[in-house]
Amino acid sequence: MASIKVAVAAGKGGVGKTTIACGTASVLAAQGNRVLLIDLDPQSNAAWGLGADPTLPGTAELLLSNASVPIQISGNLWVLPGGPGLKGHEVMRLDPEALADAIDAFDYNAIIFDCPPGWDHLERLGLVAAEVALVVVDAHPFAIQGAARVVETLSSRRQKNRQGAQNWALVMSRVDLRRTLDKDLESALTAMFPDTDRLLVRQDVALSLATTERVPIMETAQPNCRGVLDLQGVVGWLQNAQADRKSSDSK
């Protein structure tokens, strides 16, 4: 797989964004790719959920001094923890391109940015460093409004030819099609974002267990469970999006 940089964002907390980020990283790593997950959240939930010590030097140190070393989780998966250092004034004053510059020399097949909702500058660092984005949403009205804000940000940057993600998809998270709200979610998103691809990650206890056990999902879940199959679909979309980008760049 050619290298790809992916921002995972959401306009509202509690929609399963970090689960999607960790799961996507785990699937990519299981396919033989060297993957780095960069946690941009001061709470450092992604690093914790993958089994890393969230108090170790991580993303803040990378941004300020290039002093952090990615933590190896498994043979092909590394993580840089978030942490409270990301809330410091020094990080908040950085240029939006700071993260893109900091990772320029990294040698990974895929870099995933877990972007925190409610921290516009930290989210922007990830969106600018990325080539594609996954916007995670559930059936809650506030989540849909938040997703609209993220999509508007992405669209505005693309229209102005600014650096950052040029393609994105909506990821409907923790979907249970027995629930009326979840059944109506896709039609609502289609009406709001008719030109945006929509992906589905169904509710699956395997996703929760991976977080509880603090291990990548591909190391604990059955390969044919709903969560894994749906995450593989997300990865397939990313690979197609990256292939399209490479083809467009070569013309």
C-alpha atoms as a PDB file:
ATOM      1  CA  MET A   1       0.000   0.000   0.000  1.00  0.00           C
ATOM      2  CA  ALA A   2       1.277   3.458  -0.878  1.00  0.00           C
ATOM      3  CA  SER A   3       1.645   5.826   2.045  1.00  0.00           C
ATOM      4  CA  ILE A   4      -1.523   7.542   3.249  1.00  0.00           C
ATOM      5  CA  LYS A   5      -2.295  10.084   5.959  1.00  0.00           C
ATOM      6  CA  VAL A   6      -5.784   9.910   7.459  1.00  0.00           C
ATOM      7  CA  ALA A   7      -7.529  12.303   9.839  1.00  0.00           C
ATOM      8  CA  VAL A   8     -10.331  10.794  11.928  1.00  0.00           C
ATOM      9  CA  ALA A   9     -12.565  13.591  13.194  1.00  0.00           C
ATOM     10  CA  ALA A  10     -15.999  14.194  14.690  1.00  0.00           C
ATOM     11  CA  GLY A  11     -17.906  17.303  15.600  1.00  0.00           C
ATOM     12  CA  LYS A  12     -19.138  15.771  18.861  1.00  0.00           C
ATOM     13  CA  GLY A  13     -17.594  13.530  21.486  1.00  0.00           C
ATOM     14  CA  GLY A  14     -18.943  10.106  22.324  1.00  0.00           C
ATOM     15  CA  VAL A  15     -19.682   8.949  18.774  1.00  0.00           C
ATOM     16  CA  GLY A  16     -17.024   6.224  18.593  1.00  0.00           C
ATOM     17  CA  LYS A  17     -14.381   8.262  16.775  1.00  0.00           C
ATOM     18  CA  THR A  18     -11.406   6.915  18.719  1.00  0.00           C
ATOM     19  CA  THR A  19     -12.711   3.363  18.325  1.00  0.00           C
ATOM     20  CA  ILE A  20     -12.805   3.923  14.551  1.00  0.00           C
ATOM     21  CA  ALA A  21      -9.294   5.422  14.580  1.00  0.00           C
ATOM     22  CA  CYS A  22      -7.814   2.538  16.578  1.00  0.00           C
ATOM     23  CA  GLY A  23      -9.720  -0.084  14.605  1.00  0.00           C
ATOM     24  CA  THR A  24      -8.682   1.355  11.256  1.00  0.00           C
ATOM     25  CA  ALA A  25      -5.058   1.436  12.379  1.00  0.00           C
ATOM     26  CA  SER A  26      -5.288  -2.170  13.577  1.00  0.00           C
ATOM     27  CA  VAL A  27      -6.780  -3.436  10.302  1.00  0.00           C
ATOM     28  CA  LEU A  28      -4.153  -1.623   8.239  1.00  0.00           C
ATOM     29  CA  ALA A  29      -1.381  -3.076  10.413  1.00  0.00           C
ATOM     30  CA  ALA A  30      -2.835  -6.584  10.120  1.00  0.00           C
ATOM     31  CA  GLN A  31      -2.638  -6.217   6.330  1.00  0.00           C
ATOM     32  CA  GLY A  32       1.126  -5.800   6.596  1.00  0.00           C
ATOM     33  CA  ASN A  33       1.338  -2.000   6.593  1.00  0.00           C
ATOM     34  CA  ARG A  34       3.577  -0.044   8.955  1.00  0.00           C
ATOM     35  CA  VAL A  35       1.081   2.164  10.774  1.00  0.00           C
ATOM     36  CA  LEU A  36       1.489   5.082  13.177  1.00  0.00           C
ATOM     37  CA  LEU A  37      -1.486   6.403  15.133  1.00  0.00           C
ATOM     38  CA  ILE A  38      -0.944   9.978  16.333  1.00  0.00           C
ATOM     39  CA  ASP A  39      -3.204  10.856  19.265  1.00  0.00           C
ATOM     40  CA  LEU A  40      -4.097  14.558  19.181  1.00  0.00           C
ATOM     41  CA  ASP A  41      -6.451  14.353  22.154  1.00  0.00           C
ATOM     42  CA  PRO A  42      -5.341  15.768  25.534  1.00  0.00           C
ATOM     43  CA  GLN A  43      -7.169  12.816  27.130  1.00  0.00           C
ATOM     44  CA  SER A  44      -4.970  10.376  25.165  1.00  0.00           C
ATOM     45  CA  ASN A  45      -7.745   7.798  24.862  1.00  0.00           C
ATOM     46  CA  ALA A  46      -6.384   6.282  21.651  1.00  0.00           C
ATOM     47  CA  ALA A  47      -2.998   5.518  23.172  1.00  0.00           C
ATOM     48  CA  TRP A  48      -4.625   4.127  26.317  1.00  0.00           C
ATOM     49  CA  GLY A  49      -7.028   1.982  24.302  1.00  0.00           C
ATOM     50  CA  LEU A  50      -4.156   0.398  22.384  1.00  0.00           C
ATOM     51  CA  GLY A  51      -2.317  -0.493  25.583  1.00  0.00           C
ATOM     52  CA  ALA A  52       0.313   2.266  25.609  1.00  0.00           C
ATOM     53  CA  ASP A  53       1.269   4.368  28.616  1.00  0.00           C
ATOM     54  CA  PRO A  54      -0.549   7.660  27.924  1.00  0.00           C
ATOM     55  CA  THR A  55       1.843   9.597  30.164  1.00  0.00           C
ATOM     56  CA  LEU A  56       4.905   8.948  27.985  1.00  0.00           C
ATOM     57  CA  PRO A  57       6.243  11.699  25.697  1.00  0.00           C
ATOM     58  CA  GLY A  58       4.134  11.870  22.573  1.00  0.00           C
ATOM     59  CA  THR A  59       2.467  14.249  20.175  1.00  0.00           C
ATOM     60  CA  ALA A  60       3.088  17.453  22.138  1.00  0.00           C
ATOM     61  CA  GLU A  61       6.793  16.696  22.337  1.00  0.00           C
ATOM     62  CA  LEU A  62       6.852  15.867  18.614  1.00  0.00           C
ATOM     63  CA  LEU A  63       5.284  19.224  17.793  1.00  0.00           C
ATOM     64  CA  LEU A  64       7.478  21.284  20.095  1.00  0.00           C
ATOM     65  CA  SER A  65      10.868  19.598  19.935  1.00  0.00           C
ATOM     66  CA  ASN A  66      10.757  16.419  17.804  1.00  0.00           C
ATOM     67  CA  ALA A  67      11.755  14.661  21.021  1.00  0.00           C
ATOM     68  CA  SER A  68       9.165  11.877  21.159  1.00  0.00           C
ATOM     69  CA  VAL A  69       9.620   8.279  20.039  1.00  0.00           C
ATOM     70  CA  PRO A  70       6.587   6.307  18.789  1.00  0.00           C
ATOM     71  CA  ILE A  71       5.602   3.398  21.046  1.00  0.00           C
ATOM     72  CA  GLN A  72       5.444   0.036  19.298  1.00  0.00           C
ATOM     73  CA  ILE A  73       2.181  -1.763  20.082  1.00  0.00           C
ATOM     74  CA  SER A  74       2.672  -4.761  17.791  1.00  0.00           C
ATOM     75  CA  GLY A  75       4.783  -5.779  14.830  1.00  0.00           C
ATOM     76  CA  ASN A  76       3.360  -3.150  12.474  1.00  0.00           C
ATOM     77  CA  LEU A  77       1.566  -0.701  14.776  1.00  0.00           C
ATOM     78  CA  TRP A  78       2.978   2.296  16.667  1.00  0.00           C
ATOM     79  CA  VAL A  79       1.310   5.102  18.613  1.00  0.00           C
ATOM     80  CA  LEU A  80       2.232   8.580  19.822  1.00  0.00           C
ATOM     81  CA  PRO A  81       0.227   9.426  22.968  1.00  0.00           C
ATOM     82  CA  GLY A  82      -1.730  12.630  23.361  1.00  0.00           C
ATOM     83  CA  GLY A  83      -1.831  14.123  26.828  1.00  0.00           C
ATOM     84  CA  PRO A  84      -2.299  17.412  28.681  1.00  0.00           C
ATOM     85  CA  GLY A  85       0.757  18.949  27.012  1.00  0.00           C
ATOM     86  CA  LEU A  86      -1.415  19.436  23.929  1.00  0.00           C
ATOM     87  CA  LYS A  87      -3.430  22.040  25.867  1.00  0.00           C
ATOM     88  CA  GLY A  88      -0.380  24.253  26.415  1.00  0.00           C
ATOM     89  CA  HIS A  89      -0.044  27.728  24.962  1.00  0.00           C
ATOM     90  CA  GLU A  90       3.007  26.673  22.929  1.00  0.00           C
ATOM     91  CA  VAL A  91       0.992  24.080  21.006  1.00  0.00           C
ATOM     92  CA  MET A  92      -1.979  26.401  20.557  1.00  0.00           C
ATOM     93  CA  ARG A  93       0.280  29.011  18.948  1.00  0.00           C
ATOM     94  CA  LEU A  94       1.695  26.625  16.343  1.00  0.00           C
ATOM     95  CA  ASP A  95       1.005  27.147  12.659  1.00  0.00           C
ATOM     96  CA  PRO A  96      -1.674  24.814  11.212  1.00  0.00           C
ATOM     97  CA  GLU A  97       1.057  23.132   9.117  1.00  0.00           C
ATOM     98  CA  ALA A  98       3.197  22.282  12.167  1.00  0.00           C
ATOM     99  CA  LEU A  99       2.150  18.631  12.391  1.00  0.00           C
ATOM    100  CA  ALA A 100       2.539  18.096   8.648  1.00  0.00           C
ATOM    101  CA  ASP A 101       6.070  19.470   8.894  1.00  0.00           C
ATOM    102  CA  ALA A 102       6.896  17.391  11.989  1.00  0.00           C
ATOM    103  CA  ILE A 103       6.011  14.076  10.319  1.00  0.00           C
ATOM    104  CA  ASP A 104       7.550  14.867   6.949  1.00  0.00           C
ATOM    105  CA  ALA A 105      10.458  12.469   7.427  1.00  0.00           C
ATOM    106  CA  PHE A 106       8.428   9.636   9.004  1.00  0.00           C
ATOM    107  CA  ASP A 107       8.567   6.304   7.187  1.00  0.00           C
ATOM    108  CA  TYR A 108       5.187   4.605   7.583  1.00  0.00           C
ATOM    109  CA  ASN A 109       2.709   3.186   5.099  1.00  0.00           C
ATOM    110  CA  ALA A 110      -0.133   4.866   6.972  1.00  0.00           C
ATOM    111  CA  ILE A 111      -0.411   7.604   9.588  1.00  0.00           C
ATOM    112  CA  ILE A 112      -3.728   8.020  11.402  1.00  0.00           C
ATOM    113  CA  PHE A 113      -4.539  11.241  13.273  1.00  0.00           C
ATOM    114  CA  ASP A 114      -7.131  10.926  16.042  1.00  0.00           C
ATOM    115  CA  CYS A 115      -8.515  14.492  16.154  1.00  0.00           C
ATOM    116  CA  PRO A 116     -10.351  15.667  19.286  1.00  0.00           C
ATOM    117  CA  PRO A 117     -13.744  17.402  19.032  1.00  0.00           C
ATOM    118  CA  GLY A 118     -13.971  20.714  20.813  1.00  0.00           C
ATOM    119  CA  TRP A 119     -10.298  21.565  20.228  1.00  0.00           C
ATOM    120  CA  ASP A 120     -10.397  23.448  16.945  1.00  0.00           C
ATOM    121  CA  HIS A 121      -6.645  24.045  16.694  1.00  0.00           C
ATOM    122  CA  LEU A 122      -5.715  20.432  17.473  1.00  0.00           C
ATOM    123  CA  GLU A 123      -8.328  19.190  15.009  1.00  0.00           C
ATOM    124  CA  ARG A 124      -6.972  21.569  12.375  1.00  0.00           C
ATOM    125  CA  LEU A 125      -3.443  20.241  12.843  1.00  0.00           C
ATOM    126  CA  GLY A 126      -4.701  16.777  11.919  1.00  0.00           C
ATOM    127  CA  LEU A 127      -6.903  17.889   9.034  1.00  0.00           C
ATOM    128  CA  VAL A 128      -4.053  19.887   7.497  1.00  0.00           C
ATOM    129  CA  ALA A 129      -1.542  17.036   7.870  1.00  0.00           C
ATOM    130  CA  ALA A 130      -3.941  14.505   6.314  1.00  0.00           C
ATOM    131  CA  GLU A 131      -4.626  13.577   2.706  1.00  0.00           C
ATOM    132  CA  VAL A 132      -8.048  12.055   3.401  1.00  0.00           C
ATOM    133  CA  ALA A 133     -10.460  12.278   6.320  1.00  0.00           C
ATOM    134  CA  LEU A 134     -13.041  10.105   8.030  1.00  0.00           C
ATOM    135  CA  VAL A 135     -15.820  12.118   9.688  1.00  0.00           C
ATOM    136  CA  VAL A 136     -17.461   9.938  12.333  1.00  0.00           C
ATOM    137  CA  VAL A 137     -21.127  10.465  13.176  1.00  0.00           C
ATOM    138  CA  ASP A 138     -23.947   8.665  14.961  1.00  0.00           C
ATOM    139  CA  ALA A 139     -27.707   9.184  14.924  1.00  0.00           C
ATOM    140  CA  HIS A 140     -27.752  11.936  17.568  1.00  0.00           C
ATOM    141  CA  PRO A 141     -28.820  15.326  16.132  1.00  0.00           C
ATOM    142  CA  PHE A 142     -25.868  17.063  17.800  1.00  0.00           C
ATOM    143  CA  ALA A 143     -23.487  14.585  16.173  1.00  0.00           C
ATOM    144  CA  ILE A 144     -24.973  15.295  12.751  1.00  0.00           C
ATOM    145  CA  GLN A 145     -24.625  19.044  13.325  1.00  0.00           C
ATOM    146  CA  GLY A 146     -21.021  18.520  14.407  1.00  0.00           C
ATOM    147  CA  ALA A 147     -20.260  16.425  11.332  1.00  0.00           C
ATOM    148  CA  ALA A 148     -21.650  19.225   9.178  1.00  0.00           C
ATOM    149  CA  ARG A 149     -19.177  21.641  10.787  1.00  0.00           C
ATOM    150  CA  VAL A 150     -16.223  19.347  10.041  1.00  0.00           C
ATOM    151  CA  VAL A 151     -17.351  18.798   6.442  1.00  0.00           C
ATOM    152  CA  GLU A 152     -17.771  22.553   6.013  1.00  0.00           C
ATOM    153  CA  THR A 153     -14.210  23.089   7.253  1.00  0.00           C
ATOM    154  CA  LEU A 154     -12.868  20.469   4.848  1.00  0.00           C
ATOM    155  CA  SER A 155     -14.851  21.856   1.916  1.00  0.00           C
ATOM    156  CA  SER A 156     -13.730  25.408   2.616  1.00  0.00           C
ATOM    157  CA  ARG A 157     -10.068  24.424   2.703  1.00  0.00           C
ATOM    158  CA  ARG A 158     -10.364  22.440  -0.524  1.00  0.00           C
ATOM    159  CA  GLN A 159     -12.129  25.286  -2.322  1.00  0.00           C
ATOM    160  CA  LYS A 160      -9.337  27.640  -1.280  1.00  0.00           C
ATOM    161  CA  ASN A 161      -6.668  25.134  -2.433  1.00  0.00           C
ATOM    162  CA  ARG A 162      -5.220  24.954   1.057  1.00  0.00           C
ATOM    163  CA  GLN A 163      -3.065  22.117   2.340  1.00  0.00           C
ATOM    164  CA  GLY A 164      -4.898  19.201   3.910  1.00  0.00           C
ATOM    165  CA  ALA A 165      -7.430  16.454   3.289  1.00  0.00           C
ATOM    166  CA  GLN A 166      -8.856  16.655  -0.223  1.00  0.00           C
ATOM    167  CA  ASN A 167     -11.283  13.749   0.065  1.00  0.00           C
ATOM    168  CA  TRP A 168     -13.430  12.481   2.914  1.00  0.00           C
ATOM    169  CA  ALA A 169     -16.211  10.105   3.866  1.00  0.00           C
ATOM    170  CA  LEU A 170     -18.809  10.016   6.603  1.00  0.00           C
ATOM    171  CA  VAL A 171     -18.535   6.990   8.889  1.00  0.00           C
ATOM    172  CA  MET A 172     -21.811   6.057  10.536  1.00  0.00           C
ATOM    173  CA  SER A 173     -20.725   4.584  13.848  1.00  0.00           C
ATOM    174  CA  ARG A 174     -22.245   2.023  16.227  1.00  0.00           C
ATOM    175  CA  VAL A 175     -25.216   1.505  13.950  1.00  0.00           C
ATOM    176  CA  ASP A 176     -27.989  -0.862  15.031  1.00  0.00           C
ATOM    177  CA  LEU A 177     -30.486  -1.142  12.194  1.00  0.00           C
ATOM    178  CA  ARG A 178     -33.172  -2.313  14.625  1.00  0.00           C
ATOM    179  CA  ARG A 179     -33.325   1.256  15.940  1.00  0.00           C
ATOM    180  CA  THR A 180     -35.476   3.736  14.052  1.00  0.00           C
ATOM    181  CA  LEU A 181     -32.989   6.590  14.456  1.00  0.00           C
ATOM    182  CA  ASP A 182     -30.199   4.473  13.003  1.00  0.00           C
ATOM    183  CA  LYS A 183     -32.390   3.398  10.090  1.00  0.00           C
ATOM    184  CA  ASP A 184     -33.063   7.054   9.324  1.00  0.00           C
ATOM    185  CA  LEU A 185     -29.436   8.154   9.699  1.00  0.00           C
ATOM    186  CA  GLU A 186     -28.244   7.307   6.193  1.00  0.00           C
ATOM    187  CA  SER A 187     -31.175   9.046   4.504  1.00  0.00           C
ATOM    188  CA  ALA A 188     -30.587  12.123   6.665  1.00  0.00           C
ATOM    189  CA  LEU A 189     -26.904  12.187   5.755  1.00  0.00           C
ATOM    190  CA  THR A 190     -27.696  11.621   2.083  1.00  0.00           C
ATOM    191  CA  ALA A 191     -29.977  14.642   2.110  1.00  0.00           C
ATOM    192  CA  MET A 192     -27.399  16.826   3.865  1.00  0.00           C
ATOM    193  CA  PHE A 193     -24.281  15.558   2.052  1.00  0.00           C
ATOM    194  CA  PRO A 194     -25.397  14.145  -1.318  1.00  0.00           C
ATOM    195  CA  ASP A 195     -21.868  14.143  -2.770  1.00  0.00           C
ATOM    196  CA  THR A 196     -20.110  12.569   0.227  1.00  0.00           C
ATOM    197  CA  ASP A 197     -19.452   8.838   0.518  1.00  0.00           C
ATOM    198  CA  ARG A 198     -21.011   7.110   3.526  1.00  0.00           C
ATOM    199  CA  LEU A 199     -19.507   4.132   5.329  1.00  0.00           C
ATOM    200  CA  LEU A 200     -21.058   1.924   7.993  1.00  0.00           C
ATOM    201  CA  VAL A 201     -19.591   0.482  11.193  1.00  0.00           C
ATOM    202  CA  ARG A 202     -22.240  -1.515  13.003  1.00  0.00           C
ATOM    203  CA  GLN A 203     -22.511  -1.855  16.743  1.00  0.00           C
ATOM    204  CA  ASP A 204     -20.414  -4.825  17.854  1.00  0.00           C
ATOM    205  CA  VAL A 205     -19.362  -5.906  21.319  1.00  0.00           C
ATOM    206  CA  ALA A 206     -15.982  -6.904  19.849  1.00  0.00           C
ATOM    207  CA  LEU A 207     -15.136  -3.225  19.404  1.00  0.00           C
ATOM    208  CA  SER A 208     -15.914  -2.484  23.039  1.00  0.00           C
ATOM    209  CA  LEU A 209     -13.987  -5.525  24.247  1.00  0.00           C
ATOM    210  CA  ALA A 210     -10.869  -4.479  22.359  1.00  0.00           C
ATOM    211  CA  THR A 211     -10.935  -1.116  24.128  1.00  0.00           C
ATOM    212  CA  THR A 212     -11.657  -2.695  27.515  1.00  0.00           C
ATOM    213  CA  GLU A 213      -8.790  -5.146  27.088  1.00  0.00           C
ATOM    214  CA  ARG A 214      -6.556  -2.372  25.690  1.00  0.00           C
ATOM    215  CA  VAL A 215      -5.470  -4.329  22.632  1.00  0.00           C
ATOM    216  CA  PRO A 216      -5.848  -3.736  18.871  1.00  0.00           C
ATOM    217  CA  ILE A 217      -9.093  -5.275  17.656  1.00  0.00           C
ATOM    218  CA  MET A 218      -7.351  -7.554  15.150  1.00  0.00           C
ATOM    219  CA  GLU A 219      -5.570  -9.260  18.042  1.00  0.00           C
ATOM    220  CA  THR A 220      -8.722 -10.122  19.967  1.00  0.00           C
ATOM    221  CA  ALA A 221     -11.766 -10.266  17.659  1.00  0.00           C
ATOM    222  CA  GLN A 222     -12.965 -12.998  15.356  1.00  0.00           C
ATOM    223  CA  PRO A 223     -12.003 -12.116  11.762  1.00  0.00           C
ATOM    224  CA  ASN A 224     -15.603 -12.448  10.547  1.00  0.00           C
ATOM    225  CA  CYS A 225     -17.281 -10.355  13.246  1.00  0.00           C
ATOM    226  CA  ARG A 226     -19.307  -7.314  12.208  1.00  0.00           C
ATOM    227  CA  GLY A 227     -16.837  -4.799  13.601  1.00  0.00           C
ATOM    228  CA  VAL A 228     -13.851  -6.225  11.743  1.00  0.00           C
ATOM    229  CA  LEU A 229     -15.737  -6.639   8.468  1.00  0.00           C
ATOM    230  CA  ASP A 230     -17.003  -3.064   8.618  1.00  0.00           C
ATOM    231  CA  LEU A 231     -13.567  -1.674   9.493  1.00  0.00           C
ATOM    232  CA  GLN A 232     -12.141  -3.581   6.546  1.00  0.00           C
ATOM    233  CA  GLY A 233     -14.717  -1.761   4.431  1.00  0.00           C
ATOM    234  CA  VAL A 234     -13.459   1.558   5.797  1.00  0.00           C
ATOM    235  CA  VAL A 235      -9.885   0.581   4.943  1.00  0.00           C
ATOM    236  CA  GLY A 236     -10.968  -0.456   1.455  1.00  0.00           C
ATOM    237  CA  TRP A 237     -12.470   2.994   0.926  1.00  0.00           C
ATOM    238  CA  LEU A 238      -9.243   4.622   2.120  1.00  0.00           C
ATOM    239  CA  GLN A 239      -7.168   2.534  -0.254  1.00  0.00           C
ATOM    240  CA  ASN A 240      -9.426   3.425  -3.187  1.00  0.00           C
ATOM    241  CA  ALA A 241      -9.369   7.107  -2.238  1.00  0.00           C
ATOM    242  CA  GLN A 242      -5.597   7.085  -2.090  1.00  0.00           C
ATOM    243  CA  ALA A 243      -5.335   5.293  -5.433  1.00  0.00           C
ATOM    244  CA  ASP A 244      -7.628   7.917  -6.972  1.00  0.00           C
ATOM    245  CA  ARG A 245      -5.487  10.695  -5.492  1.00  0.00           C
ATOM    246  CA  LYS A 246      -2.282   9.180  -6.855  1.00  0.00           C
ATOM    247  CA  SER A 247      -3.884   8.766 -10.282  1.00  0.00           C
ATOM    248  CA  SER A 248      -5.072  12.381 -10.252  1.00  0.00           C
ATOM    249  CA  ASP A 249      -1.636  13.645  -9.198  1.00  0.00           C
ATOM    250  CA  SER A 250       0.036  11.772 -12.064  1.00  0.00           C
ATOM    251  CA  LYS A 251      -2.123  13.429 -14.736  1.00  0.00           C
END
